[in-house]
Amino acid sequence: METAFISQVKGLLASAKSIVIITHHNPDGDAIGASLALWHYLKKCDHKPEIVVSSDFPDFYKWMKGADSIKIATKERALCEKLIAEADLIFCLDFNMPDRIESLTDSLIKAKAKIVLIDHHQAPTDFATLTHSQTNTSSTSELIFDFISGMGDESKVDVDIATAIYVGIITDTGSFSYNCDYPNTYAVTSKLFAQNINGEEIHHRVYNTFSESRLRLLGYCLSQKLTIVPELATAYISITKEEMKRFDFSNGDSEGIVNYGLTIKGVKLAALFSERTGHIKLSLRSYGNLNVGVIARKHFDGGGHKNASGANIYKSLDEAIAEFLKILPLYKEYLA
């Protein structure tokens, strides 16, 4: 991590009395892992940071130490807004523009605090006081390790920090199946295991503690909702609100379903359409040179990475699918 960036952050930390860590709406494993890793580190440096998120996160991330201290705006909105308003320093992790935190966007824009952005998504906007953006990195959690190391505090990385970072890395790489061609990712991972993290137990807690209803939802999606577009090497699944209710849908139950499309021989693009209140959540995954981050930004005002991205589409489910199918031929050269 750049020496100048580290030096400037040190200066901000030296005078900061109130520190807030914010990550994106609907936090995933990287968002929670990076936030908790930084939270633990700052506490070891005698700061008193708070983590604020706009919405709740899945239970299979809540076992990490410190997760119960995260403030959630859907449960404590006034407190979250107060913490942001009174902060001297705000760390924005794993998102590249203010609207990615949805209900807390206005609070962040109006904040008087200095803002430090650490992120790995493509095309960040210029809203932070200091920005470290590195798109070839596996995850923001890996960048947090680099940040701690750059601060000269790698010795402060303990099992709790290492566990949180490892969760971020494995969930943002699909357990090292994409976004994982950067050598530093494996160098960092080896250092995490040197802290005696339990990789087998972490994998079990993240991937093998779903509810029965979630497994039945997955089976239903694969048997009844999977559509293949063979001439364009594409597979997609859609889930309606009624179907979510039928399968007792809870936060995180759709996570990972989109990846199954890419397990089909010949498929290079997979999509998941989830009907939510007022919008459709689109998740995109690709194999090879097709950059779904570009597709998400250009056509759906979304964003993400080369092989994993997403967006919110403010149309009906049928309209969203139709729009997706309409743009597919534009990328035929990548889907041949």
Protein backbone atom coordinates (compact mmCIF):
# COMPACT_ATOMS: atom_id res chain seq x y z
CA MET A 1 0.00 0.00 0.00
CA GLU A 2 1.34 3.45 -0.93
CA THR A 3 3.58 5.10 1.65
CA ALA A 4 1.89 8.47 1.12
CA PHE A 5 -1.56 7.00 1.77
CA ILE A 6 -0.38 5.29 4.95
CA SER A 7 1.31 8.44 6.18
CA GLN A 8 -1.81 10.54 5.64
CA VAL A 9 -4.06 8.00 7.37
CA LYS A 10 -1.68 7.95 10.34
CA GLY A 11 -2.08 11.70 10.56
CA LEU A 12 -5.87 11.44 10.53
CA LEU A 13 -5.87 8.69 13.16
CA ALA A 14 -3.63 10.71 15.44
CA SER A 15 -6.29 13.38 15.89
CA ALA A 16 -9.46 11.31 15.51
CA LYS A 17 -11.53 10.85 18.64
CA SER A 18 -14.60 9.30 17.03
CA ILE A 19 -14.17 6.72 14.25
CA VAL A 20 -16.89 5.04 12.21
CA ILE A 21 -16.51 2.15 9.77
CA ILE A 22 -19.18 1.89 7.07
CA THR A 23 -19.72 -0.79 4.44
CA HIS A 24 -22.28 -1.33 1.70
CA HIS A 25 -25.98 -2.21 1.82
CA ASN A 26 -26.75 -5.92 2.17
CA PRO A 27 -23.25 -6.68 3.48
CA ASP A 28 -21.59 -9.84 2.23
CA GLY A 29 -18.69 -11.79 3.69
CA ASP A 30 -16.04 -9.39 2.44
CA ALA A 31 -17.90 -6.33 3.70
CA ILE A 32 -18.36 -7.81 7.18
CA GLY A 33 -14.93 -9.44 7.26
CA ALA A 34 -13.08 -6.26 6.26
CA SER A 35 -15.09 -4.14 8.69
CA LEU A 36 -14.51 -6.46 11.63
CA ALA A 37 -10.81 -6.86 10.84
CA LEU A 38 -10.33 -3.08 10.79
CA TRP A 39 -12.49 -2.70 13.92
CA HIS A 40 -10.37 -5.19 15.86
CA TYR A 41 -7.16 -3.55 14.65
CA LEU A 42 -8.24 -0.02 15.60
CA LYS A 43 -9.31 -1.24 19.04
CA LYS A 44 -5.83 -2.73 19.51
CA CYS A 45 -4.48 0.74 18.67
CA ASP A 46 -6.54 2.21 21.56
CA HIS A 47 -9.28 3.70 19.38
CA LYS A 48 -13.00 3.16 19.95
CA PRO A 49 -14.44 2.56 16.48
CA GLU A 50 -18.04 1.76 15.60
CA ILE A 51 -19.26 -0.27 12.62
CA VAL A 52 -22.41 1.00 10.91
CA VAL A 53 -24.35 -0.75 8.13
CA SER A 54 -27.60 0.23 6.44
CA SER A 55 -29.13 -3.26 6.52
CA ASP A 56 -28.79 -6.55 8.34
CA PHE A 57 -26.46 -9.33 7.22
CA PRO A 58 -26.78 -13.13 7.09
CA ASP A 59 -26.59 -15.23 10.23
CA PHE A 60 -23.73 -17.27 8.78
CA TYR A 61 -21.45 -14.25 9.31
CA LYS A 62 -22.68 -13.38 12.81
CA TRP A 63 -20.46 -15.93 14.57
CA MET A 64 -17.35 -13.78 13.98
CA LYS A 65 -16.08 -12.03 17.08
CA GLY A 66 -17.41 -8.48 17.28
CA ALA A 67 -20.30 -9.03 14.87
CA ASP A 68 -22.79 -8.43 17.67
CA SER A 69 -21.40 -4.89 18.06
CA ILE A 70 -22.31 -3.82 14.52
CA LYS A 71 -24.96 -1.10 14.41
CA ILE A 72 -27.70 -1.75 11.83
CA ALA A 73 -29.72 1.18 10.48
CA THR A 74 -32.89 -0.83 9.93
CA LYS A 75 -32.89 -1.50 13.68
CA GLU A 76 -31.20 1.63 15.08
CA ARG A 77 -31.41 4.29 12.39
CA ALA A 78 -31.21 7.32 14.70
CA LEU A 79 -28.13 5.94 16.43
CA CYS A 80 -26.42 5.15 13.12
CA GLU A 81 -27.07 8.63 11.77
CA LYS A 82 -25.83 10.16 15.03
CA LEU A 83 -22.59 8.18 14.95
CA ILE A 84 -21.91 9.28 11.37
CA ALA A 85 -22.74 12.92 12.10
CA GLU A 86 -20.46 13.05 15.14
CA ALA A 87 -17.53 11.12 13.66
CA ASP A 88 -14.13 12.72 13.14
CA LEU A 89 -13.00 10.00 10.76
CA ILE A 90 -14.99 7.57 8.62
CA PHE A 91 -13.57 4.49 6.91
CA CYS A 92 -15.63 3.44 3.90
CA LEU A 93 -14.95 -0.19 3.03
CA ASP A 94 -15.90 -2.35 0.04
CA PHE A 95 -17.96 0.19 -1.92
CA ASN A 96 -16.99 2.80 -4.48
CA MET A 97 -19.74 5.42 -4.39
CA PRO A 98 -21.97 6.85 -1.63
CA ASP A 99 -25.26 5.51 -2.99
CA ARG A 100 -24.05 1.95 -2.34
CA ILE A 101 -24.98 2.44 1.34
CA GLU A 102 -28.56 3.35 0.34
CA SER A 103 -30.46 4.68 3.38
CA LEU A 104 -27.30 6.14 4.93
CA THR A 105 -26.12 7.92 1.78
CA ASP A 106 -27.35 11.37 2.83
CA SER A 107 -25.78 10.98 6.27
CA LEU A 108 -22.41 10.18 4.72
CA ILE A 109 -22.61 13.04 2.21
CA LYS A 110 -23.45 15.51 5.00
CA ALA A 111 -20.81 14.17 7.40
CA LYS A 112 -18.14 16.60 8.57
CA ALA A 113 -15.61 13.83 9.09
CA LYS A 114 -12.61 13.07 6.94
CA ILE A 115 -13.33 10.00 4.80
CA VAL A 116 -10.90 7.19 3.99
CA LEU A 117 -11.99 4.81 1.21
CA ILE A 118 -10.43 1.34 0.95
CA ASP A 119 -11.97 -0.70 -1.85
CA HIS A 120 -11.34 -3.07 -4.76
CA HIS A 121 -14.29 -2.34 -7.06
CA GLN A 122 -13.87 -0.83 -10.49
CA ALA A 123 -14.49 2.87 -11.24
CA PRO A 124 -14.59 4.48 -7.77
CA THR A 125 -16.06 7.98 -7.54
CA ASP A 126 -14.19 10.87 -5.98
CA PHE A 127 -16.06 11.30 -2.69
CA ALA A 128 -13.40 10.47 -0.09
CA THR A 129 -10.66 12.56 1.46
CA LEU A 130 -8.20 9.70 0.87
CA THR A 131 -8.72 6.77 -1.46
CA HIS A 132 -6.93 3.47 -1.87
CA SER A 133 -8.49 1.50 -4.74
CA GLN A 134 -6.85 -1.66 -6.04
CA THR A 135 -9.05 -3.62 -8.42
CA ASN A 136 -6.78 -6.61 -8.97
CA THR A 137 -6.99 -7.58 -5.31
CA SER A 138 -9.24 -10.46 -4.29
CA SER A 139 -11.18 -8.55 -1.67
CA THR A 140 -11.30 -5.48 0.51
CA SER A 141 -10.42 -7.79 3.40
CA GLU A 142 -7.07 -8.51 1.73
CA LEU A 143 -6.55 -4.76 1.42
CA ILE A 144 -7.19 -4.39 5.15
CA PHE A 145 -4.37 -6.84 5.79
CA ASP A 146 -2.16 -4.76 3.47
CA PHE A 147 -3.23 -1.62 5.33
CA ILE A 148 -2.36 -3.08 8.74
CA SER A 149 0.97 -4.28 7.36
CA GLY A 150 1.64 -0.88 5.80
CA MET A 151 0.96 0.74 9.16
CA GLY A 152 3.84 -1.33 10.53
CA ASP A 153 1.47 -3.38 12.68
CA GLU A 154 1.41 -6.80 11.06
CA SER A 155 2.32 -8.20 14.49
CA LYS A 156 -1.09 -7.00 15.70
CA VAL A 157 -2.87 -9.43 13.37
CA ASP A 158 -4.30 -12.05 15.74
CA VAL A 159 -6.69 -14.95 15.23
CA ASP A 160 -9.78 -12.71 15.30
CA ILE A 161 -8.42 -10.30 12.67
CA ALA A 162 -7.07 -13.18 10.58
CA THR A 163 -10.39 -15.05 10.72
CA ALA A 164 -12.35 -11.98 9.57
CA ILE A 165 -9.94 -11.37 6.69
CA TYR A 166 -10.06 -15.02 5.64
CA VAL A 167 -13.87 -14.94 5.56
CA GLY A 168 -13.67 -11.92 3.27
CA ILE A 169 -11.18 -13.56 0.95
CA ILE A 170 -12.97 -16.90 0.56
CA THR A 171 -16.42 -15.36 0.07
CA ASP A 172 -15.23 -12.81 -2.51
CA THR A 173 -13.33 -15.45 -4.48
CA GLY A 174 -15.88 -18.27 -4.24
CA SER A 175 -13.34 -20.23 -2.20
CA PHE A 176 -10.55 -19.31 -4.63
CA SER A 177 -12.48 -19.99 -7.83
CA TYR A 178 -12.55 -16.41 -9.24
CA ASN A 179 -10.90 -13.02 -8.55
CA CYS A 180 -7.94 -15.01 -7.26
CA ASP A 181 -5.09 -14.73 -9.79
CA TYR A 182 -3.21 -12.12 -7.73
CA PRO A 183 -0.16 -13.71 -6.04
CA ASN A 184 -0.47 -11.50 -2.97
CA THR A 185 -3.81 -13.16 -2.17
CA TYR A 186 -2.05 -16.44 -1.44
CA ALA A 187 0.82 -14.76 0.40
CA VAL A 188 -1.67 -13.04 2.70
CA THR A 189 -3.67 -16.25 3.15
CA SER A 190 -0.56 -18.10 4.28
CA LYS A 191 0.06 -15.42 6.90
CA LEU A 192 -3.51 -15.79 8.13
CA PHE A 193 -3.02 -19.50 8.71
CA ALA A 194 0.16 -18.68 10.62
CA GLN A 195 -2.20 -17.16 13.21
CA ASN A 196 -3.77 -20.60 13.71
CA ILE A 197 -7.11 -19.87 12.12
CA ASN A 198 -9.27 -22.94 11.60
CA GLY A 199 -9.94 -23.03 7.86
CA GLU A 200 -12.15 -26.10 8.01
CA GLU A 201 -14.34 -24.66 10.77
CA ILE A 202 -14.60 -21.27 9.04
CA HIS A 203 -15.68 -22.94 5.79
CA HIS A 204 -18.28 -24.98 7.66
CA ARG A 205 -19.74 -21.92 9.44
CA VAL A 206 -19.94 -19.89 6.23
CA TYR A 207 -21.12 -22.55 3.77
CA ASN A 208 -22.68 -25.41 5.75
CA THR A 209 -25.05 -23.76 8.21
CA PHE A 210 -27.96 -22.88 5.92
CA SER A 211 -31.55 -23.58 6.86
CA GLU A 212 -33.57 -26.47 5.42
CA SER A 213 -35.81 -23.96 3.64
CA ARG A 214 -32.79 -22.41 1.92
CA LEU A 215 -31.71 -25.81 0.60
CA ARG A 216 -35.24 -26.47 -0.68
CA LEU A 217 -35.24 -23.03 -2.34
CA LEU A 218 -31.97 -23.92 -4.08
CA GLY A 219 -33.41 -27.22 -5.29
CA TYR A 220 -36.51 -25.44 -6.58
CA CYS A 221 -34.42 -22.83 -8.42
CA LEU A 222 -32.30 -25.47 -10.13
CA SER A 223 -35.16 -27.78 -11.06
CA GLN A 224 -37.88 -25.26 -11.91
CA LYS A 225 -36.42 -21.79 -12.50
CA LEU A 226 -33.19 -22.40 -14.39
CA THR A 227 -33.26 -21.15 -18.00
CA ILE A 228 -30.49 -21.78 -20.52
CA VAL A 229 -29.76 -19.62 -23.56
CA PRO A 230 -27.39 -22.05 -25.33
CA GLU A 231 -26.64 -19.90 -28.37
CA LEU A 232 -25.29 -17.20 -26.02
CA ALA A 233 -23.70 -19.48 -23.39
CA THR A 234 -25.93 -18.00 -20.69
CA ALA A 235 -27.92 -19.38 -17.78
CA TYR A 236 -30.28 -17.42 -15.54
CA ILE A 237 -32.60 -17.97 -12.60
CA SER A 238 -35.39 -15.73 -11.34
CA ILE A 239 -37.06 -15.74 -7.92
CA THR A 240 -40.32 -13.93 -7.23
CA LYS A 241 -41.40 -12.46 -3.90
CA GLU A 242 -44.13 -15.10 -3.70
CA GLU A 243 -41.54 -17.85 -4.11
CA MET A 244 -39.38 -16.29 -1.42
CA LYS A 245 -42.35 -16.30 0.93
CA ARG A 246 -43.12 -19.91 0.02
CA PHE A 247 -39.62 -20.95 1.03
CA ASP A 248 -39.50 -18.78 4.17
CA PHE A 249 -36.76 -16.62 2.65
CA SER A 250 -34.38 -14.94 5.06
CA ASN A 251 -31.42 -12.62 4.57
CA GLY A 252 -28.63 -14.40 2.70
CA ASP A 253 -30.67 -17.33 1.38
CA SER A 254 -30.03 -16.39 -2.26
CA GLU A 255 -26.29 -16.00 -1.75
CA GLY A 256 -24.32 -18.28 -4.03
CA ILE A 257 -27.26 -19.51 -6.12
CA VAL A 258 -26.08 -17.55 -9.16
CA ASN A 259 -22.82 -19.50 -9.21
CA TYR A 260 -24.55 -22.76 -10.10
CA GLY A 261 -25.21 -21.52 -13.63
CA LEU A 262 -21.49 -21.49 -14.32
CA THR A 263 -21.17 -25.17 -13.36
CA ILE A 264 -22.95 -26.09 -16.62
CA LYS A 265 -20.60 -27.08 -19.42
CA GLY A 266 -20.35 -24.33 -22.03
CA VAL A 267 -22.00 -21.62 -19.91
CA LYS A 268 -19.92 -18.43 -19.60
CA LEU A 269 -22.49 -16.05 -18.09
CA ALA A 270 -24.87 -16.66 -15.19
CA ALA A 271 -27.49 -14.31 -13.78
CA LEU A 272 -29.86 -14.33 -10.81
CA PHE A 273 -32.91 -12.06 -10.67
CA SER A 274 -34.41 -11.67 -7.18
CA GLU A 275 -37.63 -9.72 -6.78
CA ARG A 276 -37.42 -7.31 -3.86
CA THR A 277 -39.66 -4.50 -2.66
CA GLY A 278 -39.53 -1.79 -5.33
CA HIS A 279 -36.72 -3.29 -7.40
CA ILE A 280 -35.08 -6.39 -8.84
CA LYS A 281 -31.71 -7.43 -7.47
CA LEU A 282 -29.47 -8.66 -10.29
CA SER A 283 -26.39 -10.79 -9.64
CA LEU A 284 -24.00 -11.58 -12.48
CA ARG A 285 -21.14 -14.07 -12.74
CA SER A 286 -18.93 -14.85 -15.70
CA TYR A 287 -16.15 -17.14 -16.79
CA GLY A 288 -13.33 -16.02 -19.04
CA ASN A 289 -12.93 -12.60 -20.61
CA LEU A 290 -16.51 -11.37 -20.31
CA ASN A 291 -16.44 -8.41 -17.92
CA VAL A 292 -19.77 -8.40 -16.09
CA GLY A 293 -18.64 -5.37 -14.11
CA VAL A 294 -18.83 -3.40 -17.34
CA ILE A 295 -22.25 -4.88 -18.13
CA ALA A 296 -23.59 -3.96 -14.70
CA ARG A 297 -22.32 -0.37 -14.92
CA LYS A 298 -23.17 0.31 -18.56
CA HIS A 299 -26.66 -1.16 -18.69
CA PHE A 300 -27.99 -1.35 -15.12
CA ASP A 301 -26.23 1.42 -13.15
CA GLY A 302 -24.53 -1.22 -11.03
CA GLY A 303 -20.94 -2.27 -10.58
CA GLY A 304 -18.53 -4.86 -9.32
CA HIS A 305 -15.66 -6.90 -10.69
CA LYS A 306 -14.71 -8.51 -13.98
CA ASN A 307 -16.29 -11.88 -13.13
CA ALA A 308 -18.72 -10.94 -10.35
CA SER A 309 -21.01 -7.92 -10.24
CA GLY A 310 -24.54 -6.80 -9.53
CA ALA A 311 -27.15 -4.07 -9.77
CA ASN A 312 -30.61 -3.00 -8.71
CA ILE A 313 -33.12 -2.71 -11.56
CA TYR A 314 -36.15 -0.55 -10.88
CA LYS A 315 -38.52 -2.39 -13.18
CA SER A 316 -40.76 -5.44 -12.96
CA LEU A 317 -39.17 -8.89 -12.94
CA ASP A 318 -40.34 -9.63 -16.48
CA GLU A 319 -39.04 -6.27 -17.73
CA ALA A 320 -35.67 -6.81 -16.06
CA ILE A 321 -35.23 -10.23 -17.65
CA ALA A 322 -36.31 -8.89 -21.03
CA GLU A 323 -33.78 -6.06 -20.82
CA PHE A 324 -31.05 -8.52 -19.88
CA LEU A 325 -31.84 -10.80 -22.81
CA LYS A 326 -31.91 -7.81 -25.15
CA ILE A 327 -28.34 -6.77 -24.35
CA LEU A 328 -26.83 -10.27 -24.51
CA PRO A 329 -26.18 -10.19 -28.28
CA LEU A 330 -23.98 -7.14 -27.74
CA TYR A 331 -21.49 -9.44 -26.02
CA LYS A 332 -21.74 -12.35 -28.42
CA GLU A 333 -18.02 -12.30 -29.17
CA TYR A 334 -17.35 -13.24 -25.53
CA LEU A 335 -20.17 -15.80 -25.39
CA ALA A 336 -19.25 -17.81 -28.46
